[in-house]
PDB file of all heavy atoms in Angstrom:
ATOM      1  N   HIS A   1    -121.588  63.253-120.512  1.00  0.00           N
ATOM      2  CA  HIS A   1    -122.527  64.359-120.383  1.00  0.00           C
ATOM      3  C   HIS A   1    -122.035  65.363-119.342  1.00  0.00           C
ATOM      4  O   HIS A   1    -121.137  65.068-118.547  1.00  0.00           O
ATOM      5  CB  HIS A   1    -123.903  63.839-119.941  1.00  0.00           C
ATOM      6  CG  HIS A   1    -123.901  63.307-118.530  1.00  0.00           C
ATOM      7  ND1 HIS A   1    -124.334  64.053-117.460  1.00  0.00           N
ATOM      8  CD2 HIS A   1    -123.490  62.120-118.009  1.00  0.00           C
ATOM      9  CE1 HIS A   1    -124.200  63.341-116.350  1.00  0.00           C
ATOM     10  NE2 HIS A   1    -123.687  62.157-116.654  1.00  0.00           N
ATOM     11  N   GLN A   2    -122.646  66.517-119.349  1.00  0.00           N
ATOM     12  CA  GLN A   2    -122.438  67.528-118.319  1.00  0.00           C
ATOM     13  C   GLN A   2    -123.802  67.872-117.743  1.00  0.00           C
ATOM     14  O   GLN A   2    -124.625  68.503-118.397  1.00  0.00           O
ATOM     15  CB  GLN A   2    -121.782  68.792-118.914  1.00  0.00           C
ATOM     16  CG  GLN A   2    -121.569  69.925-117.921  1.00  0.00           C
ATOM     17  CD  GLN A   2    -120.566  69.558-116.844  1.00  0.00           C
ATOM     18  OE1 GLN A   2    -119.628  68.817-117.077  1.00  0.00           O
ATOM     19  NE2 GLN A   2    -120.768  70.078-115.646  1.00  0.00           N
ATOM     20  N   ARG A   3    -124.069  67.385-116.538  1.00  0.00           N
ATOM     21  CA  ARG A   3    -125.355  67.607-115.877  1.00  0.00           C
ATOM     22  C   ARG A   3    -126.529  67.174-116.757  1.00  0.00           C
ATOM     23  O   ARG A   3    -127.567  67.805-116.778  1.00  0.00           O
ATOM     24  CB  ARG A   3    -125.507  69.063-115.438  1.00  0.00           C
ATOM     25  CG  ARG A   3    -124.518  69.495-114.373  1.00  0.00           C
ATOM     26  CD  ARG A   3    -124.767  70.930-113.918  1.00  0.00           C
ATOM     27  NE  ARG A   3    -126.095  71.040-113.293  1.00  0.00           N
ATOM     28  CZ  ARG A   3    -126.622  72.199-112.894  1.00  0.00           C
ATOM     29  NH1 ARG A   3    -125.954  73.330-113.082  1.00  0.00           N
ATOM     30  NH2 ARG A   3    -127.811  72.225-112.329  1.00  0.00           N
ATOM     31  N   GLY A   4    -126.331  66.097-117.498  1.00  0.00           N
ATOM     32  CA  GLY A   4    -127.403  65.543-118.309  1.00  0.00           C
ATOM     33  C   GLY A   4    -127.396  65.977-119.753  1.00  0.00           C
ATOM     34  O   GLY A   4    -128.151  65.438-120.569  1.00  0.00           O
ATOM     35  N   VAL A   5    -126.567  66.948-120.089  1.00  0.00           N
ATOM     36  CA  VAL A   5    -126.462  67.403-121.478  1.00  0.00           C
ATOM     37  C   VAL A   5    -125.346  66.615-122.140  1.00  0.00           C
ATOM     38  O   VAL A   5    -124.172  66.730-121.770  1.00  0.00           O
ATOM     39  CB  VAL A   5    -126.173  68.912-121.555  1.00  0.00           C
ATOM     40  CG1 VAL A   5    -126.050  69.357-123.016  1.00  0.00           C
ATOM     41  CG2 VAL A   5    -127.275  69.695-120.838  1.00  0.00           C
ATOM     42  N   SER A   6    -125.693  65.809-123.129  1.00  0.00           N
ATOM     43  CA  SER A   6    -124.742  64.897-123.752  1.00  0.00           C
ATOM     44  C   SER A   6    -123.734  65.633-124.630  1.00  0.00           C
ATOM     45  O   SER A   6    -123.973  66.752-125.100  1.00  0.00           O
ATOM     46  CB  SER A   6    -125.508  63.878-124.604  1.00  0.00           C
ATOM     47  OG  SER A   6    -124.630  63.092-125.384  1.00  0.00           O
ATOM     48  N   VAL A   7    -122.606  64.963-124.862  1.00  0.00           N
ATOM     49  CA  VAL A   7    -121.637  65.473-125.831  1.00  0.00           C
ATOM     50  C   VAL A   7    -122.191  65.372-127.250  1.00  0.00           C
ATOM     51  O   VAL A   7    -121.693  66.022-128.163  1.00  0.00           O
ATOM     52  CB  VAL A   7    -120.297  64.714-125.731  1.00  0.00           C
ATOM     53  CG1 VAL A   7    -119.657  64.932-124.377  1.00  0.00           C
ATOM     54  CG2 VAL A   7    -120.485  63.207-125.996  1.00  0.00           C
ATOM     55  N   GLU A   8    -123.211  64.532-127.440  1.00  0.00           N
ATOM     56  CA  GLU A   8    -123.873  64.393-128.740  1.00  0.00           C
ATOM     57  C   GLU A   8    -125.035  65.387-128.805  1.00  0.00           C
ATOM     58  O   GLU A   8    -125.991  65.282-128.024  1.00  0.00           O
ATOM     59  CB  GLU A   8    -124.395  62.965-128.921  1.00  0.00           C
ATOM     60  CG  GLU A   8    -125.199  62.719-130.175  1.00  0.00           C
ATOM     61  CD  GLU A   8    -124.331  62.599-131.428  1.00  0.00           C
ATOM     62  OE1 GLU A   8    -123.091  62.782-131.325  1.00  0.00           O
ATOM     63  OE2 GLU A   8    -124.881  62.326-132.497  1.00  0.00           O
ATOM     64  N   PRO A   9    -124.981  66.375-129.685  1.00  0.00           N
ATOM     65  CA  PRO A   9    -126.057  67.370-129.761  1.00  0.00           C
ATOM     66  C   PRO A   9    -127.431  66.724-129.928  1.00  0.00           C
ATOM     67  O   PRO A   9    -127.613  65.812-130.724  1.00  0.00           O
ATOM     68  CB  PRO A   9    -125.678  68.200-130.990  1.00  0.00           C
ATOM     69  CG  PRO A   9    -124.197  68.050-131.113  1.00  0.00           C
ATOM     70  CD  PRO A   9    -123.909  66.647-130.673  1.00  0.00           C
ATOM     71  N   GLY A  10    -128.385  67.203-129.129  1.00  0.00           N
ATOM     72  CA  GLY A  10    -129.749  66.701-129.216  1.00  0.00           C
ATOM     73  C   GLY A  10    -130.045  65.530-128.310  1.00  0.00           C
ATOM     74  O   GLY A  10    -131.200  65.089-128.233  1.00  0.00           O
ATOM     75  N   ILE A  11    -129.037  65.013-127.619  1.00  0.00           N
ATOM     76  CA  ILE A  11    -129.225  63.887-126.703  1.00  0.00           C
ATOM     77  C   ILE A  11    -129.062  64.379-125.266  1.00  0.00           C
ATOM     78  O   ILE A  11    -128.118  65.112-124.940  1.00  0.00           O
ATOM     79  CB  ILE A  11    -128.220  62.755-126.980  1.00  0.00           C
ATOM     80  CG1 ILE A  11    -128.451  62.155-128.373  1.00  0.00           C
ATOM     81  CG2 ILE A  11    -128.312  61.664-125.902  1.00  0.00           C
ATOM     82  CD1 ILE A  11    -129.772  61.411-128.516  1.00  0.00           C
ATOM     83  N   TYR A  12    -129.988  63.939-124.398  1.00  0.00           N
ATOM     84  CA  TYR A  12    -129.967  64.339-122.991  1.00  0.00           C
ATOM     85  C   TYR A  12    -130.239  63.110-122.119  1.00  0.00           C
ATOM     86  O   TYR A  12    -130.864  62.142-122.558  1.00  0.00           O
ATOM     87  CB  TYR A  12    -131.030  65.409-122.720  1.00  0.00           C
ATOM     88  CG  TYR A  12    -130.846  66.652-123.559  1.00  0.00           C
ATOM     89  CD1 TYR A  12    -131.372  66.712-124.860  1.00  0.00           C
ATOM     90  CD2 TYR A  12    -130.147  67.751-123.081  1.00  0.00           C
ATOM     91  CE1 TYR A  12    -131.200  67.839-125.648  1.00  0.00           C
ATOM     92  CE2 TYR A  12    -129.973  68.888-123.867  1.00  0.00           C
ATOM     93  CZ  TYR A  12    -130.497  68.921-125.143  1.00  0.00           C
ATOM     94  OH  TYR A  12    -130.316  70.036-125.922  1.00  0.00           O
ATOM     95  N   PHE A  13    -129.766  63.181-120.879  1.00  0.00           N
ATOM     96  CA  PHE A  13    -129.966  62.085-119.927  1.00  0.00           C
ATOM     97  C   PHE A  13    -130.591  62.636-118.650  1.00  0.00           C
ATOM     98  O   PHE A  13    -130.364  63.794-118.274  1.00  0.00           O
ATOM     99  CB  PHE A  13    -128.637  61.405-119.590  1.00  0.00           C
ATOM    100  CG  PHE A  13    -127.974  60.742-120.767  1.00  0.00           C
ATOM    101  CD1 PHE A  13    -126.997  61.406-121.493  1.00  0.00           C
ATOM    102  CD2 PHE A  13    -128.332  59.462-121.150  1.00  0.00           C
ATOM    103  CE1 PHE A  13    -126.391  60.813-122.582  1.00  0.00           C
ATOM    104  CE2 PHE A  13    -127.735  58.852-122.238  1.00  0.00           C
ATOM    105  CZ  PHE A  13    -126.757  59.525-122.954  1.00  0.00           C
ATOM    106  N   LEU A  14    -131.338  61.787-117.982  1.00  0.00           N
ATOM    107  CA  LEU A  14    -131.954  62.175-116.710  1.00  0.00           C
ATOM    108  C   LEU A  14    -132.087  60.953-115.812  1.00  0.00           C
ATOM    109  O   LEU A  14    -132.431  59.868-116.288  1.00  0.00           O
ATOM    110  CB  LEU A  14    -133.326  62.805-116.957  1.00  0.00           C
ATOM    111  CG  LEU A  14    -134.004  63.427-115.737  1.00  0.00           C
ATOM    112  CD1 LEU A  14    -133.162  64.553-115.148  1.00  0.00           C
ATOM    113  CD2 LEU A  14    -135.391  63.949-116.099  1.00  0.00           C
ATOM    114  N   GLY A  15    -131.804  61.142-114.532  1.00  0.00           N
ATOM    115  CA  GLY A  15    -131.922  60.054-113.563  1.00  0.00           C
ATOM    116  C   GLY A  15    -130.648  59.278-113.342  1.00  0.00           C
ATOM    117  O   GLY A  15    -130.657  58.225-112.694  1.00  0.00           O
ATOM    118  N   LEU A  16    -129.516  59.781-113.840  1.00  0.00           N
ATOM    119  CA  LEU A  16    -128.239  59.096-113.658  1.00  0.00           C
ATOM    120  C   LEU A  16    -127.714  59.326-112.240  1.00  0.00           C
ATOM    121  O   LEU A  16    -127.924  60.393-111.663  1.00  0.00           O
ATOM    122  CB  LEU A  16    -127.203  59.615-114.660  1.00  0.00           C
ATOM    123  CG  LEU A  16    -127.538  59.478-116.142  1.00  0.00           C
ATOM    124  CD1 LEU A  16    -126.426  60.106-116.973  1.00  0.00           C
ATOM    125  CD2 LEU A  16    -127.728  58.022-116.522  1.00  0.00           C
ATOM    126  N   PRO A  17    -127.013  58.352-111.663  1.00  0.00           N
ATOM    127  CA  PRO A  17    -126.386  58.574-110.357  1.00  0.00           C
ATOM    128  C   PRO A  17    -125.400  59.739-110.434  1.00  0.00           C
ATOM    129  O   PRO A  17    -124.616  59.844-111.364  1.00  0.00           O
ATOM    130  CB  PRO A  17    -125.660  57.249-110.088  1.00  0.00           C
ATOM    131  CG  PRO A  17    -126.365  56.244-110.937  1.00  0.00           C
ATOM    132  CD  PRO A  17    -126.802  56.986-112.168  1.00  0.00           C
ATOM    133  N   TRP A  18    -125.496  60.636-109.474  1.00  0.00           N
ATOM    134  CA  TRP A  18    -124.600  61.790-109.406  1.00  0.00           C
ATOM    135  C   TRP A  18    -124.639  62.603-110.709  1.00  0.00           C
ATOM    136  O   TRP A  18    -123.640  63.155-111.140  1.00  0.00           O
ATOM    137  CB  TRP A  18    -123.162  61.364-109.081  1.00  0.00           C
ATOM    138  CG  TRP A  18    -123.019  60.827-107.694  1.00  0.00           C
ATOM    139  CD1 TRP A  18    -123.260  59.541-107.284  1.00  0.00           C
ATOM    140  CD2 TRP A  18    -122.618  61.538-106.518  1.00  0.00           C
ATOM    141  NE1 TRP A  18    -123.033  59.411-105.940  1.00  0.00           N
ATOM    142  CE2 TRP A  18    -122.630  60.623-105.438  1.00  0.00           C
ATOM    143  CE3 TRP A  18    -122.233  62.855-106.263  1.00  0.00           C
ATOM    144  CZ2 TRP A  18    -122.288  60.980-104.128  1.00  0.00           C
ATOM    145  CZ3 TRP A  18    -121.884  63.214-104.974  1.00  0.00           C
ATOM    146  CH2 TRP A  18    -121.922  62.290-103.923  1.00  0.00           C
ATOM    147  N   GLN A  19    -125.816  62.690-111.313  1.00  0.00           N
ATOM    148  CA  GLN A  19    -125.917  63.454-112.557  1.00  0.00           C
ATOM    149  C   GLN A  19    -125.467  64.900-112.371  1.00  0.00           C
ATOM    150  O   GLN A  19    -124.757  65.455-113.199  1.00  0.00           O
ATOM    151  CB  GLN A  19    -127.352  63.416-113.087  1.00  0.00           C
ATOM    152  CG  GLN A  19    -127.557  64.252-114.338  1.00  0.00           C
ATOM    153  CD  GLN A  19    -128.770  63.836-115.129  1.00  0.00           C
ATOM    154  OE1 GLN A  19    -129.022  62.655-115.340  1.00  0.00           O
ATOM    155  NE2 GLN A  19    -129.544  64.804-115.586  1.00  0.00           N
ATOM    156  N   SER A  20    -125.890  65.500-111.271  1.00  0.00           N
ATOM    157  CA  SER A  20    -125.422  66.848-110.947  1.00  0.00           C
ATOM    158  C   SER A  20    -124.996  66.968-109.496  1.00  0.00           C
ATOM    159  O   SER A  20    -124.245  67.874-109.143  1.00  0.00           O
ATOM    160  CB  SER A  20    -126.521  67.882-111.231  1.00  0.00           C
ATOM    161  OG  SER A  20    -127.586  67.754-110.300  1.00  0.00           O
ATOM    162  N   ARG A  21    -125.486  66.039-108.661  1.00  0.00           N
ATOM    163  CA  ARG A  21    -125.252  66.133-107.225  1.00  0.00           C
ATOM    164  C   ARG A  21    -125.571  64.788-106.572  1.00  0.00           C
ATOM    165  O   ARG A  21    -126.060  63.867-107.224  1.00  0.00           O
ATOM    166  CB  ARG A  21    -126.134  67.226-106.623  1.00  0.00           C
ATOM    167  CG  ARG A  21    -127.621  66.871-106.686  1.00  0.00           C
ATOM    168  CD  ARG A  21    -128.506  68.043-106.378  1.00  0.00           C
ATOM    169  NE  ARG A  21    -128.660  68.874-107.566  1.00  0.00           N
ATOM    170  CZ  ARG A  21    -129.241  70.070-107.563  1.00  0.00           C
ATOM    171  NH1 ARG A  21    -129.677  70.572-106.429  1.00  0.00           N
ATOM    172  NH2 ARG A  21    -129.369  70.751-108.677  1.00  0.00           N
ATOM    173  N   ARG A  22    -125.324  64.737-105.290  1.00  0.00           N
ATOM    174  CA  ARG A  22    -125.599  63.516-104.539  1.00  0.00           C
ATOM    175  C   ARG A  22    -127.072  63.107-104.633  1.00  0.00           C
ATOM    176  O   ARG A  22    -127.401  61.930-104.689  1.00  0.00           O
ATOM    177  CB  ARG A  22    -125.221  63.737-103.072  1.00  0.00           C
ATOM    178  CG  ARG A  22    -125.472  62.558-102.159  1.00  0.00           C
ATOM    179  CD  ARG A  22    -124.994  62.866-100.751  1.00  0.00           C
ATOM    180  NE  ARG A  22    -125.065  61.708 -99.877  1.00  0.00           N
ATOM    181  CZ  ARG A  22    -124.414  61.613 -98.728  1.00  0.00           C
ATOM    182  NH1 ARG A  22    -123.647  62.620 -98.321  1.00  0.00           N
ATOM    183  NH2 ARG A  22    -124.514  60.540 -97.983  1.00  0.00           N
ATOM    184  N   GLY A  23    -127.969  64.088-104.652  1.00  0.00           N
ATOM    185  CA  GLY A  23    -129.398  63.793-104.625  1.00  0.00           C
ATOM    186  C   GLY A  23    -130.018  63.476-105.967  1.00  0.00           C
ATOM    187  O   GLY A  23    -131.241  63.333-106.052  1.00  0.00           O
ATOM    188  N   SER A  24    -129.212  63.303-107.011  1.00  0.00           N
ATOM    189  CA  SER A  24    -129.764  63.185-108.360  1.00  0.00           C
ATOM    190  C   SER A  24    -130.673  61.983-108.576  1.00  0.00           C
ATOM    191  O   SER A  24    -131.588  62.051-109.397  1.00  0.00           O
ATOM    192  CB  SER A  24    -128.634  63.159-109.390  1.00  0.00           C
ATOM    193  OG  SER A  24    -128.066  64.438-109.565  1.00  0.00           O
ATOM    194  N   THR A  25    -130.453  60.883-107.905  1.00  0.00           N
ATOM    195  CA  THR A  25    -131.293  59.710-108.125  1.00  0.00           C
ATOM    196  C   THR A  25    -132.464  59.647-107.147  1.00  0.00           C
ATOM    197  O   THR A  25    -133.250  58.698-107.195  1.00  0.00           O
ATOM    198  CB  THR A  25    -130.470  58.410-108.004  1.00  0.00           C
ATOM    199  OG1 THR A  25    -129.693  58.452-106.808  1.00  0.00           O
ATOM    200  CG2 THR A  25    -129.548  58.245-109.198  1.00  0.00           C
ATOM    201  N   PHE A  26    -132.585  60.648-106.275  1.00  0.00           N
ATOM    202  CA  PHE A  26    -133.708  60.684-105.348  1.00  0.00           C
ATOM    203  C   PHE A  26    -134.876  61.437-105.988  1.00  0.00           C
ATOM    204  O   PHE A  26    -134.692  62.221-106.928  1.00  0.00           O
ATOM    205  CB  PHE A  26    -133.292  61.333-104.036  1.00  0.00           C
ATOM    206  CG  PHE A  26    -132.327  60.489-103.250  1.00  0.00           C
ATOM    207  CD1 PHE A  26    -130.982  60.452-103.577  1.00  0.00           C
ATOM    208  CD2 PHE A  26    -132.768  59.717-102.189  1.00  0.00           C
ATOM    209  CE1 PHE A  26    -130.087  59.662-102.861  1.00  0.00           C
ATOM    210  CE2 PHE A  26    -131.884  58.925-101.467  1.00  0.00           C
ATOM    211  CZ  PHE A  26    -130.548  58.891-101.806  1.00  0.00           C
ATOM    212  N   ILE A  27    -136.069  61.221-105.497  1.00  0.00           N
ATOM    213  CA  ILE A  27    -137.269  61.765-106.130  1.00  0.00           C
ATOM    214  C   ILE A  27    -137.173  63.270-106.304  1.00  0.00           C
ATOM    215  O   ILE A  27    -137.393  63.808-107.388  1.00  0.00           O
ATOM    216  CB  ILE A  27    -138.520  61.379-105.314  1.00  0.00           C
ATOM    217  CG1 ILE A  27    -138.758  59.859-105.392  1.00  0.00           C
ATOM    218  CG2 ILE A  27    -139.742  62.137-105.807  1.00  0.00           C
ATOM    219  CD1 ILE A  27    -139.862  59.349-104.482  1.00  0.00           C
ATOM    220  N   TRP A  28    -136.861  63.985-105.227  1.00  0.00           N
ATOM    221  CA  TRP A  28    -136.796  65.440-105.331  1.00  0.00           C
ATOM    222  C   TRP A  28    -135.604  65.884-106.174  1.00  0.00           C
ATOM    223  O   TRP A  28    -135.666  66.890-106.886  1.00  0.00           O
ATOM    224  CB  TRP A  28    -136.702  66.077-103.940  1.00  0.00           C
ATOM    225  CG  TRP A  28    -135.416  65.751-103.243  1.00  0.00           C
ATOM    226  CD1 TRP A  28    -135.163  64.677-102.429  1.00  0.00           C
ATOM    227  CD2 TRP A  28    -134.195  66.475-103.332  1.00  0.00           C
ATOM    228  NE1 TRP A  28    -133.856  64.693-102.015  1.00  0.00           N
ATOM    229  CE2 TRP A  28    -133.240  65.795-102.544  1.00  0.00           C
ATOM    230  CE3 TRP A  28    -133.811  67.642-104.004  1.00  0.00           C
ATOM    231  CZ2 TRP A  28    -131.921  66.226-102.419  1.00  0.00           C
ATOM    232  CZ3 TRP A  28    -132.506  68.074-103.868  1.00  0.00           C
ATOM    233  CH2 TRP A  28    -131.577  67.374-103.081  1.00  0.00           C
ATOM    234  N   GLY A  29    -134.502  65.123-106.118  1.00  0.00           N
ATOM    235  CA  GLY A  29    -133.301  65.498-106.840  1.00  0.00           C
ATOM    236  C   GLY A  29    -133.481  65.412-108.338  1.00  0.00           C
ATOM    237  O   GLY A  29    -133.001  66.279-109.094  1.00  0.00           O
ATOM    238  N   VAL A  30    -134.177  64.378-108.812  1.00  0.00           N
ATOM    239  CA  VAL A  30    -134.375  64.233-110.256  1.00  0.00           C
ATOM    240  C   VAL A  30    -135.260  65.353-110.787  1.00  0.00           C
ATOM    241  O   VAL A  30    -135.126  65.778-111.939  1.00  0.00           O
ATOM    242  CB  VAL A  30    -134.949  62.833-110.585  1.00  0.00           C
ATOM    243  CG1 VAL A  30    -136.438  62.757-110.322  1.00  0.00           C
ATOM    244  CG2 VAL A  30    -134.647  62.440-112.023  1.00  0.00           C
ATOM    245  N   TRP A  31    -136.168  65.864-109.952  1.00  0.00           N
ATOM    246  CA  TRP A  31    -137.032  66.977-110.361  1.00  0.00           C
ATOM    247  C   TRP A  31    -136.185  68.217-110.671  1.00  0.00           C
ATOM    248  O   TRP A  31    -136.405  68.906-111.670  1.00  0.00           O
ATOM    249  CB  TRP A  31    -138.036  67.268-109.256  1.00  0.00           C
ATOM    250  CG  TRP A  31    -139.111  68.250-109.615  1.00  0.00           C
ATOM    251  CD1 TRP A  31    -140.336  67.966-110.163  1.00  0.00           C
ATOM    252  CD2 TRP A  31    -139.067  69.666-109.452  1.00  0.00           C
ATOM    253  NE1 TRP A  31    -141.058  69.125-110.347  1.00  0.00           N
ATOM    254  CE2 TRP A  31    -140.297  70.194-109.912  1.00  0.00           C
ATOM    255  CE3 TRP A  31    -138.115  70.552-108.959  1.00  0.00           C
ATOM    256  CZ2 TRP A  31    -140.596  71.552-109.897  1.00  0.00           C
ATOM    257  CZ3 TRP A  31    -138.400  71.916-108.938  1.00  0.00           C
ATOM    258  CH2 TRP A  31    -139.622  72.406-109.402  1.00  0.00           C
ATOM    259  N   HIS A  32    -135.219  68.503-109.819  1.00  0.00           N
ATOM    260  CA  HIS A  32    -134.355  69.663-110.026  1.00  0.00           C
ATOM    261  C   HIS A  32    -133.424  69.452-111.218  1.00  0.00           C
ATOM    262  O   HIS A  32    -133.158  70.395-111.986  1.00  0.00           O
ATOM    263  CB  HIS A  32    -133.553  69.955-108.756  1.00  0.00           C
ATOM    264  CG  HIS A  32    -134.396  70.507-107.649  1.00  0.00           C
ATOM    265  ND1 HIS A  32    -134.827  71.810-107.619  1.00  0.00           N
ATOM    266  CD2 HIS A  32    -134.902  69.926-106.530  1.00  0.00           C
ATOM    267  CE1 HIS A  32    -135.559  72.020-106.536  1.00  0.00           C
ATOM    268  NE2 HIS A  32    -135.616  70.890-105.857  1.00  0.00           N
ATOM    269  N   ASP A  33    -132.926  68.237-111.406  1.00  0.00           N
ATOM    270  CA  ASP A  33    -132.104  67.960-112.582  1.00  0.00           C
ATOM    271  C   ASP A  33    -132.918  68.126-113.860  1.00  0.00           C
ATOM    272  O   ASP A  33    -132.411  68.614-114.883  1.00  0.00           O
ATOM    273  CB  ASP A  33    -131.531  66.543-112.509  1.00  0.00           C
ATOM    274  CG  ASP A  33    -130.332  66.443-111.583  1.00  0.00           C
ATOM    275  OD1 ASP A  33    -129.801  67.486-111.176  1.00  0.00           O
ATOM    276  OD2 ASP A  33    -129.928  65.304-111.268  1.00  0.00           O
TER     277      ASP A  33
END
């Protein structure tokens, strides 16, 4: 994926470690992702 947007069209991810940044798995970080 790229920042949660999967290589498979229509599939998305959220809450992955380092999804977009260091804070991605923290409460406030997942909100921004």
